[in-house]
Amino acid sequence: MNILNSEGGNKLLNLADNFFNNNTKSEKNTDEK
């Protein structure tokens, strides 16, 4: 089984991407203040 090709793996990757994107956005917002 290739976890990255499974639906669950894709969901985990999407959650990780969203988490990373939210962290970068919050950091940029704090830098602007």
N, C-alpha and C. Protein backbone atom coordinates (compact mmCIF):
# COMPACT_ATOMS: atom_id res chain seq x y z
N MET A 1 0.84 -1.22 0.00
CA MET A 1 0.00 0.00 0.00
C MET A 1 0.86 1.26 0.00
N ASN A 2 0.50 2.20 -0.82
CA ASN A 2 1.19 3.49 -0.81
C ASN A 2 0.27 4.50 -0.14
N ILE A 3 0.62 4.90 1.06
CA ILE A 3 -0.25 5.78 1.86
C ILE A 3 -0.50 7.10 1.13
N LEU A 4 0.51 7.63 0.45
CA LEU A 4 0.36 8.93 -0.20
C LEU A 4 -0.66 8.87 -1.33
N ASN A 5 -0.87 7.67 -1.91
CA ASN A 5 -1.83 7.56 -3.02
C ASN A 5 -3.23 7.23 -2.52
N SER A 6 -3.39 6.97 -1.22
CA SER A 6 -4.71 6.64 -0.68
C SER A 6 -5.47 7.91 -0.37
N GLU A 7 -6.79 7.80 -0.25
CA GLU A 7 -7.60 8.99 0.05
C GLU A 7 -7.21 9.55 1.41
N GLY A 8 -6.98 8.67 2.38
CA GLY A 8 -6.59 9.13 3.71
C GLY A 8 -5.28 9.89 3.66
N GLY A 9 -4.33 9.41 2.86
CA GLY A 9 -3.04 10.08 2.73
C GLY A 9 -3.22 11.47 2.14
N ASN A 10 -4.08 11.58 1.13
CA ASN A 10 -4.33 12.88 0.51
C ASN A 10 -4.96 13.83 1.51
N LYS A 11 -5.88 13.32 2.33
CA LYS A 11 -6.51 14.17 3.34
C LYS A 11 -5.47 14.67 4.33
N LEU A 12 -4.56 13.78 4.75
CA LEU A 12 -3.52 14.19 5.69
C LEU A 12 -2.61 15.23 5.06
N LEU A 13 -2.27 15.04 3.78
CA LEU A 13 -1.43 16.02 3.09
C LEU A 13 -2.13 17.36 3.00
N ASN A 14 -3.43 17.34 2.72
CA ASN A 14 -4.19 18.59 2.62
C ASN A 14 -4.24 19.28 3.97
N LEU A 15 -4.44 18.50 5.05
CA LEU A 15 -4.48 19.09 6.38
C LEU A 15 -3.12 19.71 6.71
N ALA A 16 -2.05 19.02 6.36
CA ALA A 16 -0.71 19.53 6.62
C ALA A 16 -0.47 20.82 5.83
N ASP A 17 -0.90 20.84 4.57
CA ASP A 17 -0.74 22.05 3.74
C ASP A 17 -1.54 23.20 4.32
N ASN A 18 -2.78 22.93 4.74
CA ASN A 18 -3.61 23.98 5.31
C ASN A 18 -2.99 24.50 6.60
N PHE A 19 -2.47 23.59 7.43
CA PHE A 19 -1.85 24.00 8.69
C PHE A 19 -0.64 24.89 8.42
N PHE A 20 0.20 24.48 7.46
CA PHE A 20 1.39 25.25 7.12
C PHE A 20 1.00 26.61 6.55
N ASN A 21 -0.01 26.63 5.67
CA ASN A 21 -0.45 27.89 5.07
C ASN A 21 -1.01 28.83 6.13
N ASN A 22 -1.76 28.29 7.08
CA ASN A 22 -2.33 29.12 8.14
C ASN A 22 -1.22 29.69 9.01
N ASN A 23 -0.18 28.90 9.27
CA ASN A 23 0.93 29.39 10.09
C ASN A 23 1.67 30.51 9.37
N THR A 24 1.90 30.37 8.08
CA THR A 24 2.61 31.40 7.34
C THR A 24 1.77 32.66 7.26
N LYS A 25 0.46 32.52 7.10
CA LYS A 25 -0.42 33.69 7.03
C LYS A 25 -0.41 34.42 8.36
N SER A 26 -0.48 33.68 9.48
CA SER A 26 -0.52 34.32 10.79
C SER A 26 0.81 35.02 11.06
N GLU A 27 1.92 34.43 10.60
CA GLU A 27 3.22 35.06 10.80
C GLU A 27 3.30 36.36 10.00
N LYS A 28 2.80 36.35 8.77
CA LYS A 28 2.82 37.55 7.95
C LYS A 28 1.95 38.63 8.59
N ASN A 29 0.80 38.25 9.13
CA ASN A 29 -0.10 39.22 9.75
C ASN A 29 0.55 39.85 10.97
N THR A 30 1.26 39.05 11.77
CA THR A 30 1.90 39.59 12.96
C THR A 30 3.05 40.51 12.57
N ASP A 31 3.73 40.20 11.46
CA ASP A 31 4.83 41.05 11.00
C ASP A 31 4.30 42.41 10.55
N GLU A 32 3.10 42.43 10.00
CA GLU A 32 2.54 43.70 9.51
C GLU A 32 2.15 44.61 10.66
N LYS A 33 1.81 44.04 11.81
CA LYS A 33 1.33 44.87 12.93
C LYS A 33 2.45 45.74 13.50
